[in-house]
Amino acid sequence: MSWIVLIASGVLEAVWATALGKSEGFTKLWPTVIFGAGLALSMGGLAWAMREIPIGTAYAVWVGIGAALTVTWAMVSGDTTVSWLKIALLVGLIGCVVGLKLVDTPAEAAALGDTYSGVSTNSR
């Protein structure tokens, strides 16, 4: 469930980032409202997911999803240009995020003093 919440929070990061740009310095009501709601839900979901997912992995996945979707939306909507280099970099970014998930193992968590579920066994 934590991974689903984290992915949804990453999507909401793209929503609030896009709305922030459309708010024109918080002078437009609805983009500003969407920004605030998206930001609160995105951060809340990230915090919730980090109860079970290590912070480094969770934050990297959250930022990666948000960045990739924000740039993709900007290219699709015509707010920025499309190039093969941008597409290749987005593919690389997504590959790195997936890679972080794949190398997140129970042994690594145990080495840090945590159980794999994210419940701390030390007094950090």
PDB file of N, CA and C in Angstrom:
ATOM      1  N   MET A   1       0.821  -1.195   0.000  1.00  0.00           N
ATOM      2  CA  MET A   1       0.000   0.000   0.000  1.00  0.00           C
ATOM      3  C   MET A   1       0.866   1.261   0.000  1.00  0.00           C
ATOM      4  N   SER A   2       2.007   1.201   0.693  1.00  0.00           N
ATOM      5  CA  SER A   2       2.881   2.376   0.759  1.00  0.00           C
ATOM      6  C   SER A   2       3.381   2.779  -0.618  1.00  0.00           C
ATOM      7  N   TRP A   3       3.665   1.788  -1.459  1.00  0.00           N
ATOM      8  CA  TRP A   3       4.152   2.109  -2.801  1.00  0.00           C
ATOM      9  C   TRP A   3       3.065   2.765  -3.642  1.00  0.00           C
ATOM     10  N   ILE A   4       1.832   2.333  -3.484  1.00  0.00           N
ATOM     11  CA  ILE A   4       0.722   2.950  -4.222  1.00  0.00           C
ATOM     12  C   ILE A   4       0.554   4.404  -3.783  1.00  0.00           C
ATOM     13  N   VAL A   5       0.602   4.632  -2.478  1.00  0.00           N
ATOM     14  CA  VAL A   5       0.486   5.998  -1.948  1.00  0.00           C
ATOM     15  C   VAL A   5       1.650   6.853  -2.437  1.00  0.00           C
ATOM     16  N   LEU A   6       2.857   6.289  -2.443  1.00  0.00           N
ATOM     17  CA  LEU A   6       4.028   7.037  -2.901  1.00  0.00           C
ATOM     18  C   LEU A   6       3.903   7.414  -4.374  1.00  0.00           C
ATOM     19  N   ILE A   7       3.455   6.490  -5.202  1.00  0.00           N
ATOM     20  CA  ILE A   7       3.281   6.786  -6.630  1.00  0.00           C
ATOM     21  C   ILE A   7       2.215   7.859  -6.822  1.00  0.00           C
ATOM     22  N   ALA A   8       1.095   7.733  -6.112  1.00  0.00           N
ATOM     23  CA  ALA A   8       0.043   8.754  -6.203  1.00  0.00           C
ATOM     24  C   ALA A   8       0.571  10.112  -5.743  1.00  0.00           C
ATOM     25  N   SER A   9       1.399  10.120  -4.711  1.00  0.00           N
ATOM     26  CA  SER A   9       1.983  11.372  -4.221  1.00  0.00           C
ATOM     27  C   SER A   9       2.924  11.979  -5.243  1.00  0.00           C
ATOM     28  N   GLY A  10       3.654  11.137  -5.970  1.00  0.00           N
ATOM     29  CA  GLY A  10       4.514  11.623  -7.047  1.00  0.00           C
ATOM     30  C   GLY A  10       3.712  12.246  -8.171  1.00  0.00           C
ATOM     31  N   VAL A  11       2.577  11.631  -8.495  1.00  0.00           N
ATOM     32  CA  VAL A  11       1.688  12.203  -9.515  1.00  0.00           C
ATOM     33  C   VAL A  11       1.171  13.560  -9.039  1.00  0.00           C
ATOM     34  N   LEU A  12       0.797  13.637  -7.767  1.00  0.00           N
ATOM     35  CA  LEU A  12       0.315  14.908  -7.224  1.00  0.00           C
ATOM     36  C   LEU A  12       1.407  15.969  -7.191  1.00  0.00           C
ATOM     37  N   GLU A  13       2.664  15.543  -7.096  1.00  0.00           N
ATOM     38  CA  GLU A  13       3.751  16.523  -7.175  1.00  0.00           C
ATOM     39  C   GLU A  13       3.740  17.200  -8.541  1.00  0.00           C
ATOM     40  N   ALA A  14       3.520  16.415  -9.591  1.00  0.00           N
ATOM     41  CA  ALA A  14       3.439  16.993 -10.935  1.00  0.00           C
ATOM     42  C   ALA A  14       2.237  17.927 -11.049  1.00  0.00           C
ATOM     43  N   VAL A  15       1.135  17.566 -10.394  1.00  0.00           N
ATOM     44  CA  VAL A  15      -0.061  18.415 -10.419  1.00  0.00           C
ATOM     45  C   VAL A  15       0.235  19.759  -9.763  1.00  0.00           C
ATOM     46  N   TRP A  16       0.817  19.735  -8.554  1.00  0.00           N
ATOM     47  CA  TRP A  16       1.051  21.020  -7.881  1.00  0.00           C
ATOM     48  C   TRP A  16       2.130  21.834  -8.565  1.00  0.00           C
ATOM     49  N   ALA A  17       3.125  21.188  -9.136  1.00  0.00           N
ATOM     50  CA  ALA A  17       4.168  21.941  -9.838  1.00  0.00           C
ATOM     51  C   ALA A  17       3.600  22.632 -11.074  1.00  0.00           C
ATOM     52  N   THR A  18       2.753  21.926 -11.802  1.00  0.00           N
ATOM     53  CA  THR A  18       2.119  22.513 -12.984  1.00  0.00           C
ATOM     54  C   THR A  18       1.173  23.641 -12.579  1.00  0.00           C
ATOM     55  N   ALA A  19       0.380  23.409 -11.533  1.00  0.00           N
ATOM     56  CA  ALA A  19      -0.548  24.442 -11.057  1.00  0.00           C
ATOM     57  C   ALA A  19       0.201  25.674 -10.564  1.00  0.00           C
ATOM     58  N   LEU A  20       1.347  25.478  -9.944  1.00  0.00           N
ATOM     59  CA  LEU A  20       2.149  26.610  -9.481  1.00  0.00           C
ATOM     60  C   LEU A  20       2.538  27.502 -10.653  1.00  0.00           C
ATOM     61  N   GLY A  21       2.956  26.893 -11.743  1.00  0.00           N
ATOM     62  CA  GLY A  21       3.302  27.674 -12.930  1.00  0.00           C
ATOM     63  C   GLY A  21       2.102  28.400 -13.518  1.00  0.00           C
ATOM     64  N   LYS A  22       0.945  27.746 -13.492  1.00  0.00           N
ATOM     65  CA  LYS A  22      -0.274  28.341 -14.054  1.00  0.00           C
ATOM     66  C   LYS A  22      -0.887  29.401 -13.145  1.00  0.00           C
ATOM     67  N   SER A  23      -0.473  29.441 -11.872  1.00  0.00           N
ATOM     68  CA  SER A  23      -1.068  30.394 -10.927  1.00  0.00           C
ATOM     69  C   SER A  23      -0.583  31.824 -11.141  1.00  0.00           C
ATOM     70  N   GLU A  24       0.461  31.981 -11.944  1.00  0.00           N
ATOM     71  CA  GLU A  24       1.036  33.302 -12.234  1.00  0.00           C
ATOM     72  C   GLU A  24       1.305  34.087 -10.950  1.00  0.00           C
ATOM     73  N   GLY A  25       2.121  33.474 -10.080  1.00  0.00           N
ATOM     74  CA  GLY A  25       2.482  34.145  -8.822  1.00  0.00           C
ATOM     75  C   GLY A  25       1.333  34.214  -7.840  1.00  0.00           C
ATOM     76  N   PHE A  26       0.498  33.196  -7.833  1.00  0.00           N
ATOM     77  CA  PHE A  26      -0.669  33.106  -6.955  1.00  0.00           C
ATOM     78  C   PHE A  26      -1.699  34.201  -7.234  1.00  0.00           C
ATOM     79  N   THR A  27      -1.767  34.686  -8.463  1.00  0.00           N
ATOM     80  CA  THR A  27      -2.756  35.704  -8.821  1.00  0.00           C
ATOM     81  C   THR A  27      -4.003  35.101  -9.455  1.00  0.00           C
ATOM     82  N   LYS A  28      -3.962  33.828  -9.821  1.00  0.00           N
ATOM     83  CA  LYS A  28      -5.136  33.160 -10.394  1.00  0.00           C
ATOM     84  C   LYS A  28      -5.674  32.172  -9.368  1.00  0.00           C
ATOM     85  N   LEU A  29      -6.968  32.304  -9.059  1.00  0.00           N
ATOM     86  CA  LEU A  29      -7.573  31.561  -7.956  1.00  0.00           C
ATOM     87  C   LEU A  29      -7.468  30.045  -8.107  1.00  0.00           C
ATOM     88  N   TRP A  30      -8.030  29.469  -9.171  1.00  0.00           N
ATOM     89  CA  TRP A  30      -8.126  28.014  -9.247  1.00  0.00           C
ATOM     90  C   TRP A  30      -6.781  27.313  -9.365  1.00  0.00           C
ATOM     91  N   PRO A  31      -5.852  27.815 -10.158  1.00  0.00           N
ATOM     92  CA  PRO A  31      -4.531  27.175 -10.126  1.00  0.00           C
ATOM     93  C   PRO A  31      -3.881  27.256  -8.740  1.00  0.00           C
ATOM     94  N   THR A  32      -4.131  28.345  -8.014  1.00  0.00           N
ATOM     95  CA  THR A  32      -3.577  28.487  -6.667  1.00  0.00           C
ATOM     96  C   THR A  32      -4.214  27.481  -5.711  1.00  0.00           C
ATOM     97  N   VAL A  33      -5.525  27.297  -5.821  1.00  0.00           N
ATOM     98  CA  VAL A  33      -6.228  26.315  -4.986  1.00  0.00           C
ATOM     99  C   VAL A  33      -5.736  24.903  -5.302  1.00  0.00           C
ATOM    100  N   ILE A  34      -5.609  24.588  -6.593  1.00  0.00           N
ATOM    101  CA  ILE A  34      -5.118  23.269  -6.999  1.00  0.00           C
ATOM    102  C   ILE A  34      -3.688  23.064  -6.502  1.00  0.00           C
ATOM    103  N   PHE A  35      -2.866  24.104  -6.590  1.00  0.00           N
ATOM    104  CA  PHE A  35      -1.498  24.029  -6.069  1.00  0.00           C
ATOM    105  C   PHE A  35      -1.512  23.664  -4.588  1.00  0.00           C
ATOM    106  N   GLY A  36      -2.282  24.398  -3.785  1.00  0.00           N
ATOM    107  CA  GLY A  36      -2.304  24.164  -2.338  1.00  0.00           C
ATOM    108  C   GLY A  36      -2.796  22.773  -1.977  1.00  0.00           C
ATOM    109  N   ALA A  37      -3.883  22.349  -2.611  1.00  0.00           N
ATOM    110  CA  ALA A  37      -4.424  21.018  -2.327  1.00  0.00           C
ATOM    111  C   ALA A  37      -3.460  19.931  -2.788  1.00  0.00           C
ATOM    112  N   GLY A  38      -2.912  20.095  -3.987  1.00  0.00           N
ATOM    113  CA  GLY A  38      -1.963  19.106  -4.501  1.00  0.00           C
ATOM    114  C   GLY A  38      -0.721  19.003  -3.644  1.00  0.00           C
ATOM    115  N   LEU A  39      -0.220  20.155  -3.201  1.00  0.00           N
ATOM    116  CA  LEU A  39       0.972  20.176  -2.353  1.00  0.00           C
ATOM    117  C   LEU A  39       0.710  19.460  -1.028  1.00  0.00           C
ATOM    118  N   ALA A  40      -0.404  19.789  -0.386  1.00  0.00           N
ATOM    119  CA  ALA A  40      -0.722  19.177   0.908  1.00  0.00           C
ATOM    120  C   ALA A  40      -0.896  17.663   0.781  1.00  0.00           C
ATOM    121  N   LEU A  41      -1.633  17.230  -0.232  1.00  0.00           N
ATOM    122  CA  LEU A  41      -1.854  15.795  -0.420  1.00  0.00           C
ATOM    123  C   LEU A  41      -0.570  15.073  -0.808  1.00  0.00           C
ATOM    124  N   SER A  42       0.230  15.703  -1.654  1.00  0.00           N
ATOM    125  CA  SER A  42       1.482  15.096  -2.088  1.00  0.00           C
ATOM    126  C   SER A  42       2.451  14.920  -0.922  1.00  0.00           C
ATOM    127  N   MET A  43       2.626  15.963  -0.136  1.00  0.00           N
ATOM    128  CA  MET A  43       3.534  15.888   1.014  1.00  0.00           C
ATOM    129  C   MET A  43       3.006  14.920   2.073  1.00  0.00           C
ATOM    130  N   GLY A  44       1.704  14.958   2.299  1.00  0.00           N
ATOM    131  CA  GLY A  44       1.113  14.035   3.268  1.00  0.00           C
ATOM    132  C   GLY A  44       1.293  12.584   2.852  1.00  0.00           C
ATOM    133  N   GLY A  45       1.091  12.310   1.575  1.00  0.00           N
ATOM    134  CA  GLY A  45       1.290  10.953   1.069  1.00  0.00           C
ATOM    135  C   GLY A  45       2.736  10.515   1.153  1.00  0.00           C
ATOM    136  N   LEU A  46       3.653  11.426   0.841  1.00  0.00           N
ATOM    137  CA  LEU A  46       5.080  11.114   0.957  1.00  0.00           C
ATOM    138  C   LEU A  46       5.420  10.760   2.403  1.00  0.00           C
ATOM    139  N   ALA A  47       4.955  11.568   3.336  1.00  0.00           N
ATOM    140  CA  ALA A  47       5.228  11.309   4.755  1.00  0.00           C
ATOM    141  C   ALA A  47       4.651   9.963   5.188  1.00  0.00           C
ATOM    142  N   TRP A  48       3.444   9.663   4.738  1.00  0.00           N
ATOM    143  CA  TRP A  48       2.802   8.394   5.093  1.00  0.00           C
ATOM    144  C   TRP A  48       3.584   7.217   4.522  1.00  0.00           C
ATOM    145  N   ALA A  49       3.990   7.321   3.260  1.00  0.00           N
ATOM    146  CA  ALA A  49       4.729   6.231   2.614  1.00  0.00           C
ATOM    147  C   ALA A  49       6.078   5.997   3.280  1.00  0.00           C
ATOM    148  N   MET A  50       6.684   7.058   3.796  1.00  0.00           N
ATOM    149  CA  MET A  50       8.006   6.932   4.411  1.00  0.00           C
ATOM    150  C   MET A  50       7.963   6.209   5.758  1.00  0.00           C
ATOM    151  N   ARG A  51       6.789   5.864   6.236  1.00  0.00           N
ATOM    152  CA  ARG A  51       6.715   5.024   7.430  1.00  0.00           C
ATOM    153  C   ARG A  51       7.206   3.616   7.123  1.00  0.00           C
ATOM    154  N   GLU A  52       7.092   3.193   5.851  1.00  0.00           N
ATOM    155  CA  GLU A  52       7.491   1.840   5.472  1.00  0.00           C
ATOM    156  C   GLU A  52       8.570   1.789   4.403  1.00  0.00           C
ATOM    157  N   ILE A  53       8.838   2.887   3.743  1.00  0.00           N
ATOM    158  CA  ILE A  53       9.839   2.923   2.677  1.00  0.00           C
ATOM    159  C   ILE A  53      10.983   3.809   3.157  1.00  0.00           C
ATOM    160  N   PRO A  54      12.224   3.345   3.013  1.00  0.00           N
ATOM    161  CA  PRO A  54      13.358   4.165   3.455  1.00  0.00           C
ATOM    162  C   PRO A  54      13.325   5.554   2.821  1.00  0.00           C
ATOM    163  N   ILE A  55      13.722   6.560   3.586  1.00  0.00           N
ATOM    164  CA  ILE A  55      13.601   7.956   3.162  1.00  0.00           C
ATOM    165  C   ILE A  55      14.301   8.240   1.835  1.00  0.00           C
ATOM    166  N   GLY A  56      15.500   7.721   1.658  1.00  0.00           N
ATOM    167  CA  GLY A  56      16.232   7.987   0.417  1.00  0.00           C
ATOM    168  C   GLY A  56      15.512   7.447  -0.796  1.00  0.00           C
ATOM    169  N   THR A  57      15.013   6.235  -0.685  1.00  0.00           N
ATOM    170  CA  THR A  57      14.282   5.622  -1.790  1.00  0.00           C
ATOM    171  C   THR A  57      12.966   6.351  -2.025  1.00  0.00           C
ATOM    172  N   ALA A  58      12.216   6.603  -0.952  1.00  0.00           N
ATOM    173  CA  ALA A  58      10.911   7.256  -1.088  1.00  0.00           C
ATOM    174  C   ALA A  58      11.039   8.634  -1.720  1.00  0.00           C
ATOM    175  N   TYR A  59      11.996   9.416  -1.237  1.00  0.00           N
ATOM    176  CA  TYR A  59      12.149  10.772  -1.760  1.00  0.00           C
ATOM    177  C   TYR A  59      12.586  10.752  -3.219  1.00  0.00           C
ATOM    178  N   ALA A  60      13.518   9.872  -3.560  1.00  0.00           N
ATOM    179  CA  ALA A  60      13.982   9.788  -4.945  1.00  0.00           C
ATOM    180  C   ALA A  60      12.856   9.362  -5.883  1.00  0.00           C
ATOM    181  N   VAL A  61      12.052   8.407  -5.469  1.00  0.00           N
ATOM    182  CA  VAL A  61      10.926   7.959  -6.294  1.00  0.00           C
ATOM    183  C   VAL A  61       9.915   9.086  -6.444  1.00  0.00           C
ATOM    184  N   TRP A  62       9.593   9.764  -5.355  1.00  0.00           N
ATOM    185  CA  TRP A  62       8.615  10.861  -5.364  1.00  0.00           C
ATOM    186  C   TRP A  62       9.061  11.970  -6.310  1.00  0.00           C
ATOM    187  N   VAL A  63      10.315  12.399  -6.158  1.00  0.00           N
ATOM    188  CA  VAL A  63      10.849  13.460  -7.016  1.00  0.00           C
ATOM    189  C   VAL A  63      10.932  12.990  -8.465  1.00  0.00           C
ATOM    190  N   GLY A  64      11.379  11.757  -8.665  1.00  0.00           N
ATOM    191  CA  GLY A  64      11.515  11.235 -10.022  1.00  0.00           C
ATOM    192  C   GLY A  64      10.191  11.188 -10.759  1.00  0.00           C
ATOM    193  N   ILE A  65       9.159  10.676 -10.097  1.00  0.00           N
ATOM    194  CA  ILE A  65       7.833  10.626 -10.718  1.00  0.00           C
ATOM    195  C   ILE A  65       7.338  12.038 -11.002  1.00  0.00           C
ATOM    196  N   GLY A  66       7.449  12.906 -10.018  1.00  0.00           N
ATOM    197  CA  GLY A  66       6.985  14.284 -10.194  1.00  0.00           C
ATOM    198  C   GLY A  66       7.715  15.006 -11.305  1.00  0.00           C
ATOM    199  N   ALA A  67       9.029  14.882 -11.338  1.00  0.00           N
ATOM    200  CA  ALA A  67       9.822  15.562 -12.370  1.00  0.00           C
ATOM    201  C   ALA A  67       9.516  15.009 -13.754  1.00  0.00           C
ATOM    202  N   ALA A  68       9.476  13.687 -13.871  1.00  0.00           N
ATOM    203  CA  ALA A  68       9.220  13.074 -15.177  1.00  0.00           C
ATOM    204  C   ALA A  68       7.839  13.463 -15.704  1.00  0.00           C
ATOM    205  N   LEU A  69       6.834  13.418 -14.849  1.00  0.00           N
ATOM    206  CA  LEU A  69       5.482  13.773 -15.297  1.00  0.00           C
ATOM    207  C   LEU A  69       5.343  15.260 -15.587  1.00  0.00           C
ATOM    208  N   THR A  70       5.990  16.101 -14.792  1.00  0.00           N
ATOM    209  CA  THR A  70       5.922  17.544 -15.031  1.00  0.00           C
ATOM    210  C   THR A  70       6.536  17.896 -16.379  1.00  0.00           C
ATOM    211  N   VAL A  71       7.707  17.358 -16.664  1.00  0.00           N
ATOM    212  CA  VAL A  71       8.367  17.636 -17.947  1.00  0.00           C
ATOM    213  C   VAL A  71       7.573  17.028 -19.097  1.00  0.00           C
ATOM    214  N   THR A  72       7.072  15.813 -18.909  1.00  0.00           N
ATOM    215  CA  THR A  72       6.277  15.174 -19.964  1.00  0.00           C
ATOM    216  C   THR A  72       5.034  16.002 -20.268  1.00  0.00           C
ATOM    217  N   TRP A  73       4.334  16.449 -19.230  1.00  0.00           N
ATOM    218  CA  TRP A  73       3.139  17.271 -19.441  1.00  0.00           C
ATOM    219  C   TRP A  73       3.496  18.581 -20.145  1.00  0.00           C
ATOM    220  N   ALA A  74       4.595  19.195 -19.755  1.00  0.00           N
ATOM    221  CA  ALA A  74       5.021  20.445 -20.397  1.00  0.00           C
ATOM    222  C   ALA A  74       5.306  20.223 -21.880  1.00  0.00           C
ATOM    223  N   MET A  75       5.880  19.075 -22.223  1.00  0.00           N
ATOM    224  CA  MET A  75       6.140  18.783 -23.636  1.00  0.00           C
ATOM    225  C   MET A  75       4.839  18.503 -24.387  1.00  0.00           C
ATOM    226  N   VAL A  76       3.944  17.724 -23.781  1.00  0.00           N
ATOM    227  CA  VAL A  76       2.671  17.382 -24.429  1.00  0.00           C
ATOM    228  C   VAL A  76       1.799  18.620 -24.618  1.00  0.00           C
ATOM    229  N   SER A  77       1.781  19.505 -23.628  1.00  0.00           N
ATOM    230  CA  SER A  77       0.926  20.696 -23.694  1.00  0.00           C
ATOM    231  C   SER A  77       1.546  21.843 -24.488  1.00  0.00           C
ATOM    232  N   GLY A  78       2.787  21.677 -24.917  1.00  0.00           N
ATOM    233  CA  GLY A  78       3.435  22.707 -25.717  1.00  0.00           C
ATOM    234  C   GLY A  78       4.114  23.800 -24.915  1.00  0.00           C
ATOM    235  N   ASP A  79       4.212  23.633 -23.593  1.00  0.00           N
ATOM    236  CA  ASP A  79       4.875  24.636 -22.754  1.00  0.00           C
ATOM    237  C   ASP A  79       6.395  24.588 -22.875  1.00  0.00           C
ATOM    238  N   THR A  80       6.919  23.490 -23.382  1.00  0.00           N
ATOM    239  CA  THR A  80       8.356  23.361 -23.624  1.00  0.00           C
ATOM    240  C   THR A  80       8.566  22.525 -24.882  1.00  0.00           C
ATOM    241  N   THR A  81       9.740  22.627 -25.441  1.00  0.00           N
ATOM    242  CA  THR A  81      10.019  21.901 -26.680  1.00  0.00           C
ATOM    243  C   THR A  81      10.299  20.426 -26.386  1.00  0.00           C
ATOM    244  N   VAL A  82      10.078  19.622 -27.403  1.00  0.00           N
ATOM    245  CA  VAL A  82      10.358  18.195 -27.328  1.00  0.00           C
ATOM    246  C   VAL A  82      11.652  17.936 -28.084  1.00  0.00           C
ATOM    247  N   SER A  83      12.530  17.151 -27.479  1.00  0.00           N
ATOM    248  CA  SER A  83      13.744  16.741 -28.188  1.00  0.00           C
ATOM    249  C   SER A  83      14.076  15.304 -27.801  1.00  0.00           C
ATOM    250  N   TRP A  84      14.835  14.655 -28.653  1.00  0.00           N
ATOM    251  CA  TRP A  84      15.248  13.287 -28.358  1.00  0.00           C
ATOM    252  C   TRP A  84      16.105  13.243 -27.103  1.00  0.00           C
ATOM    253  N   LEU A  85      16.901  14.275 -26.881  1.00  0.00           N
ATOM    254  CA  LEU A  85      17.743  14.314 -25.687  1.00  0.00           C
ATOM    255  C   LEU A  85      16.888  14.383 -24.421  1.00  0.00           C
ATOM    256  N   LYS A  86      15.845  15.218 -24.427  1.00  0.00           N
ATOM    257  CA  LYS A  86      14.954  15.295 -23.261  1.00  0.00           C
ATOM    258  C   LYS A  86      14.273  13.955 -23.015  1.00  0.00           C
ATOM    259  N   ILE A  87      13.832  13.321 -24.085  1.00  0.00           N
ATOM    260  CA  ILE A  87      13.173  12.016 -23.944  1.00  0.00           C
ATOM    261  C   ILE A  87      14.153  10.988 -23.381  1.00  0.00           C
ATOM    262  N   ALA A  88      15.385  10.979 -23.888  1.00  0.00           N
ATOM    263  CA  ALA A  88      16.399  10.040 -23.390  1.00  0.00           C
ATOM    264  C   ALA A  88      16.701  10.294 -21.914  1.00  0.00           C
ATOM    265  N   LEU A  89      16.785  11.558 -21.531  1.00  0.00           N
ATOM    266  CA  LEU A  89      17.048  11.883 -20.127  1.00  0.00           C
ATOM    267  C   LEU A  89      15.880  11.471 -19.228  1.00  0.00           C
ATOM    268  N   LEU A  90      14.647  11.634 -19.709  1.00  0.00           N
ATOM    269  CA  LEU A  90      13.487  11.191 -18.937  1.00  0.00           C
ATOM    270  C   LEU A  90      13.497   9.676 -18.766  1.00  0.00           C
ATOM    271  N   VAL A  91      13.830   8.956 -19.827  1.00  0.00           N
ATOM    272  CA  VAL A  91      13.922   7.496 -19.737  1.00  0.00           C
ATOM    273  C   VAL A  91      15.000   7.112 -18.721  1.00  0.00           C
ATOM    274  N   GLY A  92      16.128   7.811 -18.758  1.00  0.00           N
ATOM    275  CA  GLY A  92      17.191   7.551 -17.784  1.00  0.00           C
ATOM    276  C   GLY A  92      16.753   7.833 -16.362  1.00  0.00           C
ATOM    277  N   LEU A  93      16.015   8.927 -16.165  1.00  0.00           N
ATOM    278  CA  LEU A  93      15.511   9.277 -14.839  1.00  0.00           C
ATOM    279  C   LEU A  93      14.583   8.189 -14.316  1.00  0.00           C
ATOM    280  N   ILE A  94      13.671   7.753 -15.155  1.00  0.00           N
ATOM    281  CA  ILE A  94      12.738   6.700 -14.759  1.00  0.00           C
ATOM    282  C   ILE A  94      13.491   5.405 -14.468  1.00  0.00           C
ATOM    283  N   GLY A  95      14.491   5.102 -15.287  1.00  0.00           N
ATOM    284  CA  GLY A  95      15.305   3.912 -15.048  1.00  0.00           C
ATOM    285  C   GLY A  95      16.023   3.963 -13.711  1.00  0.00           C
ATOM    286  N   CYS A  96      16.525   5.131 -13.360  1.00  0.00           N
ATOM    287  CA  CYS A  96      17.205   5.287 -12.066  1.00  0.00           C
ATOM    288  C   CYS A  96      16.239   5.110 -10.904  1.00  0.00           C
ATOM    289  N   VAL A  97      15.031   5.637 -11.031  1.00  0.00           N
ATOM    290  CA  VAL A  97      14.027   5.492  -9.971  1.00  0.00           C
ATOM    291  C   VAL A  97      13.659   4.019  -9.800  1.00  0.00           C
ATOM    292  N   VAL A  98      13.432   3.324 -10.907  1.00  0.00           N
ATOM    293  CA  VAL A  98      13.121   1.895 -10.841  1.00  0.00           C
ATOM    294  C   VAL A  98      14.302   1.139 -10.230  1.00  0.00           C
ATOM    295  N   GLY A  99      15.509   1.509 -10.612  1.00  0.00           N
ATOM    296  CA  GLY A  99      16.701   0.876 -10.062  1.00  0.00           C
ATOM    297  C   GLY A  99      16.794   1.021  -8.558  1.00  0.00           C
ATOM    298  N   LEU A 100      16.447   2.193  -8.041  1.00  0.00           N
ATOM    299  CA  LEU A 100      16.464   2.389  -6.589  1.00  0.00           C
ATOM    300  C   LEU A 100      15.498   1.435  -5.890  1.00  0.00           C
ATOM    301  N   LYS A 101      14.351   1.223  -6.484  1.00  0.00           N
ATOM    302  CA  LYS A 101      13.386   0.281  -5.907  1.00  0.00           C
ATOM    303  C   LYS A 101      13.948  -1.134  -5.942  1.00  0.00           C
ATOM    304  N   LEU A 102      14.593  -1.495  -7.039  1.00  0.00           N
ATOM    305  CA  LEU A 102      15.094  -2.856  -7.188  1.00  0.00           C
ATOM    306  C   LEU A 102      16.242  -3.177  -6.237  1.00  0.00           C
ATOM    307  N   VAL A 103      17.038  -2.192  -5.879  1.00  0.00           N
ATOM    308  CA  VAL A 103      18.168  -2.462  -4.981  1.00  0.00           C
ATOM    309  C   VAL A 103      17.816  -2.269  -3.512  1.00  0.00           C
ATOM    310  N   ASP A 104      16.604  -1.852  -3.214  1.00  0.00           N
ATOM    311  CA  ASP A 104      16.148  -1.683  -1.836  1.00  0.00           C
ATOM    312  C   ASP A 104      15.798  -3.062  -1.279  1.00  0.00           C
ATOM    313  N   THR A 105      16.705  -3.663  -0.519  1.00  0.00           N
ATOM    314  CA  THR A 105      16.530  -5.031  -0.047  1.00  0.00           C
ATOM    315  C   THR A 105      16.389  -5.084   1.466  1.00  0.00           C
ATOM    316  N   PRO A 106      15.829  -6.182   1.976  1.00  0.00           N
ATOM    317  CA  PRO A 106      15.739  -6.337   3.430  1.00  0.00           C
ATOM    318  C   PRO A 106      17.111  -6.316   4.104  1.00  0.00           C
ATOM    319  N   ALA A 107      18.133  -6.854   3.453  1.00  0.00           N
ATOM    320  CA  ALA A 107      19.475  -6.878   4.045  1.00  0.00           C
ATOM    321  C   ALA A 107      20.009  -5.462   4.247  1.00  0.00           C
ATOM    322  N   GLU A 108      19.752  -4.576   3.286  1.00  0.00           N
ATOM    323  CA  GLU A 108      20.203  -3.187   3.428  1.00  0.00           C
ATOM    324  C   GLU A 108      19.494  -2.503   4.587  1.00  0.00           C
ATOM    325  N   ALA A 109      18.203  -2.732   4.703  1.00  0.00           N
ATOM    326  CA  ALA A 109      17.447  -2.127   5.796  1.00  0.00           C
ATOM    327  C   ALA A 109      17.952  -2.644   7.142  1.00  0.00           C
ATOM    328  N   ALA A 110      18.226  -3.948   7.226  1.00  0.00           N
ATOM    329  CA  ALA A 110      18.722  -4.528   8.475  1.00  0.00           C
ATOM    330  C   ALA A 110      20.090  -3.961   8.839  1.00  0.00           C
ATOM    331  N   ALA A 111      20.919  -3.715   7.834  1.00  0.00           N
ATOM    332  CA  ALA A 111      22.246  -3.151   8.091  1.00  0.00           C
ATOM    333  C   ALA A 111      22.151  -1.754   8.689  1.00  0.00           C
ATOM    334  N   LEU A 112      21.054  -1.067   8.411  1.00  0.00           N
ATOM    335  CA  LEU A 112      20.846   0.277   8.951  1.00  0.00           C
ATOM    336  C   LEU A 112      20.112   0.249  10.286  1.00  0.00           C
ATOM    337  N   GLY A 113      19.779  -0.948  10.756  1.00  0.00           N
ATOM    338  CA  GLY A 113      19.094  -1.064  12.038  1.00  0.00           C
ATOM    339  C   GLY A 113      17.592  -0.978  11.929  1.00  0.00           C
ATOM    340  N   ASP A 114      17.065  -1.111  10.731  1.00  0.00           N
ATOM    341  CA  ASP A 114      15.622  -1.050  10.523  1.00  0.00           C
ATOM    342  C   ASP A 114      15.109  -2.411  10.086  1.00  0.00           C
ATOM    343  N   THR A 115      13.848  -2.676  10.375  1.00  0.00           N
ATOM    344  CA  THR A 115      13.219  -3.833   9.768  1.00  0.00           C
ATOM    345  C   THR A 115      12.783  -3.414   8.383  1.00  0.00           C
ATOM    346  N   TYR A 116      12.508  -4.364   7.537  1.00  0.00           N
ATOM    347  CA  TYR A 116      12.151  -4.036   6.160  1.00  0.00           C
ATOM    348  C   TYR A 116      10.821  -3.298   6.084  1.00  0.00           C
ATOM    349  N   SER A 117       9.971  -3.466   7.073  1.00  0.00           N
ATOM    350  CA  SER A 117       8.686  -2.774   7.058  1.00  0.00           C
ATOM    351  C   SER A 117       8.818  -1.295   7.362  1.00  0.00           C
ATOM    352  N   GLY A 118      10.004  -0.875   7.760  1.00  0.00           N
ATOM    353  CA  GLY A 118      10.213   0.534   8.038  1.00  0.00           C
ATOM    354  C   GLY A 118      10.124   0.892   9.507  1.00  0.00           C
ATOM    355  N   VAL A 119       9.830  -0.082  10.359  1.00  0.00           N
ATOM    356  CA  VAL A 119       9.746   0.192  11.781  1.00  0.00           C
ATOM    357  C   VAL A 119      11.156   0.174  12.350  1.00  0.00           C
ATOM    358  N   SER A 120      11.554   1.253  12.943  1.00  0.00           N
ATOM    359  CA  SER A 120      12.924   1.398  13.423  1.00  0.00           C
ATOM    360  C   SER A 120      13.187   0.512  14.629  1.00  0.00           C
ATOM    361  N   THR A 121      14.397  -0.084  14.633  1.00  0.00           N
ATOM    362  CA  THR A 121      14.810  -0.878  15.783  1.00  0.00           C
ATOM    363  C   THR A 121      15.921  -0.184  16.557  1.00  0.00           C
ATOM    364  N   ASN A 122      16.235   1.037  16.156  1.00  0.00           N
ATOM    365  CA  ASN A 122      17.216   1.810  16.918  1.00  0.00           C
ATOM    366  C   ASN A 122      16.597   3.145  17.300  1.00  0.00           C
ATOM    367  N   SER A 123      17.344   3.992  17.947  1.00  0.00           N
ATOM    368  CA  SER A 123      16.767   5.229  18.484  1.00  0.00           C
ATOM    369  C   SER A 123      17.162   6.458  17.682  1.00  0.00           C
ATOM    370  N   ARG A 124      17.057   6.397  16.369  1.00  0.00           N
ATOM    371  CA  ARG A 124      17.391   7.551  15.523  1.00  0.00           C
ATOM    372  C   ARG A 124      16.563   8.738  15.845  1.00  0.00           C
TER     373      ARG A 124
END
